[in-house]
Protein backbone atom coordinates (compact mmCIF):
# COMPACT_ATOMS: atom_id res chain seq x y z
CA MET A 1 18.00 5.87 -17.12
CA THR A 2 15.65 3.01 -17.93
CA ALA A 3 13.09 3.76 -20.64
CA PHE A 4 9.60 3.28 -19.28
CA THR A 5 6.40 4.01 -21.18
CA MET A 6 3.15 4.25 -19.27
CA ALA A 7 0.11 2.55 -20.80
CA GLU A 8 -1.86 5.00 -22.93
CA ASP A 9 -5.05 4.53 -20.91
CA PHE A 10 -3.29 5.40 -17.61
CA ARG A 11 -3.69 9.09 -16.71
CA ASP A 12 -0.79 10.52 -14.67
CA THR A 13 -2.00 13.66 -12.88
CA PHE A 14 -1.33 15.92 -9.91
CA ILE A 15 -3.86 17.26 -7.42
CA ARG A 16 -3.61 19.18 -4.16
CA ALA A 17 -5.17 17.15 -1.34
CA GLY A 18 -5.12 18.47 2.23
CA GLY A 19 -2.57 21.06 1.12
CA ILE A 20 -0.23 18.34 -0.19
CA ARG A 21 0.80 18.16 -3.84
CA THR A 22 -0.15 14.62 -4.77
CA ARG A 23 0.62 12.55 -7.81
CA LEU A 24 -1.85 9.87 -8.79
CA ILE A 25 -2.57 7.42 -11.56
CA GLU A 26 -6.13 7.12 -12.88
CA ALA A 27 -7.46 4.52 -15.28
CA GLY A 28 -10.84 3.28 -16.39
CA ASP A 29 -14.21 5.02 -16.70
CA PRO A 30 -14.91 7.52 -13.88
CA ALA A 31 -18.57 6.53 -14.16
CA ASP A 32 -17.73 3.02 -12.91
CA PRO A 33 -17.30 2.15 -9.21
CA THR A 34 -13.95 3.35 -7.90
CA VAL A 35 -11.09 1.20 -6.61
CA VAL A 36 -8.41 3.07 -4.65
CA LEU A 37 -5.06 1.25 -4.71
CA VAL A 38 -2.60 2.05 -1.90
CA HIS A 39 1.02 1.11 -2.53
CA ASP A 40 3.55 -0.47 -0.17
CA GLY A 41 6.06 1.36 2.03
CA ALA A 42 9.42 0.13 0.72
CA TYR A 43 12.16 2.43 -0.47
CA GLY A 44 11.87 3.24 -4.17
CA THR A 45 8.25 2.30 -4.64
CA ASP A 46 5.40 4.38 -6.02
CA SER A 47 1.87 3.70 -7.26
CA MET A 48 2.99 2.54 -10.71
CA LEU A 49 5.83 0.31 -9.57
CA CYS A 50 3.52 -1.41 -7.09
CA TRP A 51 0.33 -1.68 -9.17
CA GLU A 52 1.06 -1.32 -12.89
CA GLY A 53 0.40 -4.98 -13.71
CA VAL A 54 -2.73 -5.06 -11.53
CA ILE A 55 -4.53 -2.00 -12.86
CA GLY A 56 -5.25 -3.43 -16.29
CA GLU A 57 -7.19 -6.33 -14.74
CA LEU A 58 -9.60 -3.89 -13.08
CA THR A 59 -10.35 -1.21 -15.64
CA ASP A 60 -12.98 -3.09 -17.63
CA ARG A 61 -15.31 -2.77 -14.62
CA TYR A 62 -13.79 -0.20 -12.29
CA HIS A 63 -12.42 3.33 -12.17
CA VAL A 64 -8.96 2.98 -10.64
CA VAL A 65 -7.22 5.65 -8.54
CA ALA A 66 -3.66 4.96 -7.36
CA PRO A 67 -2.06 7.87 -5.45
CA ASP A 68 1.55 8.19 -4.38
CA LEU A 69 1.66 8.37 -0.59
CA ILE A 70 3.36 11.21 1.28
CA GLY A 71 7.11 10.71 0.92
CA TRP A 72 6.94 8.54 -2.20
CA GLY A 73 6.95 9.06 -5.94
CA GLY A 74 5.72 12.45 -7.11
CA THR A 75 3.93 13.39 -3.89
CA ASP A 76 5.40 15.90 -1.43
CA LYS A 77 8.28 14.59 0.69
CA LEU A 78 7.15 15.30 4.25
CA CYS A 79 7.77 13.75 7.67
CA TYR A 80 5.88 14.43 10.89
CA PHE A 81 7.92 13.58 13.96
CA ASP A 82 5.14 14.04 16.51
CA ARG A 83 2.49 11.83 14.85
CA SER A 84 2.02 8.21 13.94
CA PRO A 85 3.20 7.43 10.39
CA TYR A 86 -0.29 6.04 9.81
CA ASP A 87 -2.33 9.06 10.90
CA TYR A 88 -1.29 11.76 8.47
CA ARG A 89 -1.33 9.36 5.54
CA LEU A 90 -4.86 8.20 6.44
CA GLU A 91 -5.95 11.85 6.49
CA HIS A 92 -4.18 12.46 3.18
CA LEU A 93 -5.94 9.55 1.48
CA ALA A 94 -9.30 10.79 2.77
CA ALA A 95 -8.46 14.21 1.30
CA VAL A 96 -7.63 12.60 -2.06
CA CYS A 97 -11.07 10.98 -2.12
CA ARG A 98 -12.74 14.30 -1.29
CA VAL A 99 -10.87 16.21 -4.00
CA LEU A 100 -11.84 13.56 -6.55
CA ALA A 101 -15.47 13.79 -5.35
CA LEU A 102 -15.74 10.07 -4.68
CA ASP A 103 -19.18 10.46 -3.13
CA GLU A 104 -20.25 6.83 -3.50
CA PRO A 105 -18.63 4.18 -1.28
CA ALA A 106 -15.32 3.12 -2.85
CA PHE A 107 -13.37 -0.12 -2.87
CA PHE A 108 -9.88 -0.05 -1.37
CA ALA A 109 -6.93 -2.40 -1.84
CA GLY A 110 -3.48 -2.06 -0.31
CA SER A 111 -0.20 -3.93 -0.31
CA SER A 112 2.03 -4.31 2.78
CA PHE A 113 2.17 -0.86 4.45
CA GLY A 114 -0.62 0.16 2.08
CA ALA A 115 -2.69 -2.75 3.38
CA GLU A 116 -2.09 -1.55 6.94
CA LEU A 117 -3.42 1.86 5.94
CA VAL A 118 -6.42 0.31 4.18
CA ALA A 119 -7.30 -1.85 7.18
CA ARG A 120 -7.19 1.13 9.52
CA GLY A 121 -8.95 3.43 7.11
CA VAL A 122 -11.98 1.16 6.75
CA ALA A 123 -12.12 0.11 10.43
CA GLU A 124 -11.53 3.44 12.20
CA PRO A 125 -14.38 5.89 11.49
CA GLN A 126 -12.41 8.99 12.53
CA TRP A 127 -10.61 9.03 9.17
CA GLY A 128 -13.81 9.57 7.24
CA TRP A 129 -13.26 6.88 4.62
CA ASN A 130 -16.40 5.80 2.76
CA ALA A 131 -15.58 2.15 2.07
CA ARG A 132 -17.64 -0.55 0.42
CA ALA A 133 -15.08 -3.37 0.74
CA ALA A 134 -11.31 -3.81 1.07
CA VAL A 135 -8.45 -6.13 0.16
CA ALA A 136 -5.43 -6.20 2.48
CA ILE A 137 -2.43 -7.87 0.83
CA THR A 138 0.22 -8.94 3.37
CA GLY A 139 -0.65 -6.23 5.88
CA THR A 140 -2.44 -6.65 9.20
CA GLY A 141 -3.09 -3.00 10.04
CA GLY A 142 -0.30 -2.91 12.61
CA ARG A 143 2.63 -4.85 14.01
CA LEU A 144 0.79 -8.15 14.33
CA TYR A 145 2.42 -11.38 13.16
CA ARG A 146 5.59 -9.73 11.85
CA MET A 147 8.67 -11.92 11.65
CA PRO A 148 11.52 -10.64 13.85
CA GLY A 149 13.94 -8.34 12.07
CA GLY A 150 11.94 -8.04 8.85
CA ILE A 151 11.20 -4.33 9.06
CA GLU A 152 14.80 -3.65 10.08
CA ARG A 153 16.09 -5.44 6.98
CA LEU A 154 13.72 -3.50 4.73
CA SER A 155 14.84 -0.24 6.36
CA ASP A 156 18.54 -0.94 5.74
CA TYR A 157 18.74 0.77 2.37
CA THR A 158 21.44 3.02 0.97
CA PRO A 159 20.46 3.71 -2.66
CA SER A 160 22.31 1.65 -5.25
CA PRO A 161 21.25 -0.85 -7.92
CA GLU A 162 22.54 -3.68 -5.71
CA ALA A 163 20.55 -2.45 -2.70
CA ALA A 164 17.42 -2.16 -4.84
CA ARG A 165 17.89 -5.78 -5.91
CA ARG A 166 18.36 -6.96 -2.31
CA LEU A 167 15.27 -5.09 -1.17
CA THR A 168 13.16 -6.44 -4.02
CA ALA A 169 14.34 -9.96 -3.20
CA MET A 170 12.75 -9.57 0.25
CA LEU A 171 9.39 -8.73 -1.35
CA VAL A 172 9.10 -11.52 -3.93
CA HIS A 173 9.78 -15.23 -4.02
CA SER A 174 11.93 -14.82 -7.15
CA THR A 175 13.41 -11.78 -8.89
CA ASP A 176 13.56 -13.56 -12.25
CA GLY A 177 12.28 -11.19 -14.93
CA LEU A 178 12.31 -8.17 -12.61
CA ASP A 179 15.47 -6.41 -13.84
CA GLU A 180 13.53 -3.40 -15.16
CA HIS A 181 11.49 -3.25 -11.94
CA ILE A 182 14.68 -3.25 -9.87
CA GLN A 183 16.31 -0.51 -11.96
CA ARG A 184 13.21 1.65 -11.70
CA ARG A 185 13.13 1.09 -7.92
CA PHE A 186 16.68 2.39 -7.67
CA GLU A 187 15.90 5.42 -9.84
CA ILE A 188 12.77 6.27 -7.83
CA SER A 189 14.74 5.96 -4.60
CA MET A 190 17.09 8.67 -5.88
CA ALA A 191 14.31 11.28 -6.15
CA PRO A 192 15.13 14.38 -4.07
CA GLY A 193 13.75 14.00 -0.56
CA HIS A 194 12.49 10.44 -0.87
CA TRP A 195 15.25 8.66 1.06
CA GLU A 196 15.38 11.51 3.57
CA ALA A 197 11.61 11.49 4.23
CA LEU A 198 11.54 7.74 4.83
CA SER A 199 14.74 7.64 6.86
CA ALA A 200 13.97 10.65 9.06
CA LEU A 201 11.74 8.68 11.42
CA GLY A 202 14.86 6.87 12.60
CA LEU A 203 16.15 10.08 14.18
CA ARG A 204 15.87 10.25 17.96
CA ASN A 205 16.54 13.08 20.42
CA PRO A 206 19.42 11.68 22.53
CA SER A 207 18.33 13.76 25.53
CA ALA A 208 14.68 12.70 25.52
CA GLU A 209 13.25 9.46 26.83
CA ARG A 210 11.64 7.44 24.08
CA VAL A 211 7.95 6.93 24.87
CA ALA A 212 6.03 4.28 22.96
CA ARG A 213 2.76 5.46 21.42
CA PRO A 214 -0.32 3.68 22.78
CA GLU A 215 -1.59 1.05 20.36
CA HIS A 216 -5.20 -0.16 20.33
CA TRP A 217 -5.06 -2.25 17.20
CA PRO A 218 -6.76 -4.60 16.20
CA GLU A 219 -9.71 -3.73 18.49
CA PRO A 220 -11.38 -1.47 15.88
CA LEU A 221 -11.75 -4.48 13.59
CA LEU A 222 -14.09 -6.13 16.09
CA ASP A 223 -16.76 -3.53 15.24
CA CYS A 224 -16.01 -3.34 11.51
CA ASP A 225 -18.75 -4.55 9.16
CA VAL A 226 -16.89 -3.66 5.93
CA PRO A 227 -15.95 -6.86 4.03
CA ILE A 228 -12.17 -7.34 4.12
CA LEU A 229 -10.22 -10.01 2.25
CA TRP A 230 -6.85 -10.71 3.91
CA VAL A 231 -4.31 -12.00 1.35
CA GLU A 232 -1.28 -14.00 2.49
CA GLY A 233 1.74 -14.88 0.37
CA ALA A 234 2.60 -18.55 0.68
CA ASP A 235 6.33 -17.81 0.80
CA ASP A 236 6.24 -14.48 2.62
CA PRO A 237 9.39 -14.15 4.80
CA LEU A 238 8.10 -11.04 6.61
CA LEU A 239 4.86 -12.34 8.18
CA GLU A 240 4.08 -15.51 10.11
CA GLN A 241 2.33 -18.30 8.26
CA GLY A 242 -1.39 -18.43 8.96
CA TRP A 243 -1.73 -14.76 9.86
CA ALA A 244 -4.48 -14.08 7.29
CA ALA A 245 -6.82 -16.72 8.70
CA LYS A 246 -6.30 -15.27 12.17
CA MET A 247 -7.21 -11.79 10.92
CA ALA A 248 -10.28 -13.17 9.14
CA GLY A 249 -11.40 -14.67 12.43
CA LEU A 250 -11.82 -11.20 13.93
CA GLY A 251 -14.97 -10.32 11.98
CA ASP A 252 -17.99 -12.00 10.41
CA SER A 253 -17.50 -10.00 7.20
CA PHE A 254 -13.83 -10.98 6.84
CA SER A 255 -12.28 -13.73 4.72
CA SER A 256 -8.77 -14.87 3.83
CA VAL A 257 -6.82 -16.54 1.05
CA VAL A 258 -3.25 -17.78 0.59
CA VAL A 259 -1.71 -17.10 -2.83
CA PRO A 260 1.57 -18.12 -4.47
CA GLY A 261 4.54 -15.80 -4.03
CA GLY A 262 6.28 -13.78 -1.39
CA HIS A 263 5.40 -10.57 0.42
CA GLU A 264 4.11 -8.73 -2.64
CA PRO A 265 2.21 -10.98 -5.06
CA ASN A 266 1.07 -7.78 -6.78
CA ILE A 267 4.67 -7.47 -8.08
CA GLU A 268 5.39 -11.14 -8.70
CA HIS A 269 1.97 -12.24 -10.01
CA PRO A 270 0.24 -8.98 -10.94
CA ALA A 271 -2.39 -10.34 -13.33
CA ASP A 272 -3.47 -13.03 -10.86
CA THR A 273 -3.55 -10.46 -8.08
CA GLY A 274 -5.63 -8.10 -10.20
CA ARG A 275 -8.16 -10.83 -10.95
CA LEU A 276 -8.31 -11.76 -7.27
CA ILE A 277 -9.09 -8.15 -6.31
CA ARG A 278 -11.63 -7.80 -9.13
CA ASP A 279 -13.44 -11.05 -8.34
CA PHE A 280 -13.66 -10.20 -4.64
CA PHE A 281 -15.07 -6.74 -5.29
CA ASP A 282 -17.48 -8.19 -7.87
CA SER A 283 -18.83 -10.49 -5.16
CA CYS A 284 -19.51 -7.67 -2.68
CA PRO A 285 -23.07 -6.32 -2.59
């Protein structure tokens, strides 16, 4: 196993949120404004693997909370077959905020699938998120602007060190210097129930007609007054070029930026990504 030492000022804890045992990372002064970081949806990720290099850029001004989503990391490995994969995770994140008594409006930032959750959480009032501003890194909130076959390639994962390297290569422009990251991804993907929870949604009843769920996204964004910064990777192979500017055009409080790197600049350029998030939140009233 790869030796990995968490920074001393990162607090690794467990809470029960909405009945779900939830692992989260906390850092910074709880008296400061809170930033909730929501990780991506790839096999073998968790809050630390996604955000560890970003968190340190935020903690001088912000209290950081980074939970593991349902199915990932140290959080319970569950799958709901009769609900959208967004819905129960949006409810879970709202429950995390309630348990932590985040009474003041919080800042939210997400990467990839996490960005989709963040966009929906701040734009759809039924989830009960109390959001001050948001950063959506390479996630549109739904299936908009996806390159054909990208999700299928990410979903083709049978745990092995080689598969972890191939998957990581789809998320970054270059895997140079990421050997430890790749080994940790493989090890996390071997956690009991993780692969099963993520793969289970591919099961289909062969005797039942598949009915597509109705989708009303991105209409909720048209009424959203929460500032959202849409972040596009310049070399992202999974989303169409120019998608962030198109998303920013949906609301007067939205903006966009293109940054170096692939689908997850938070992995490839974590310090730069952390400063981008910090500077945007600093600019929000």
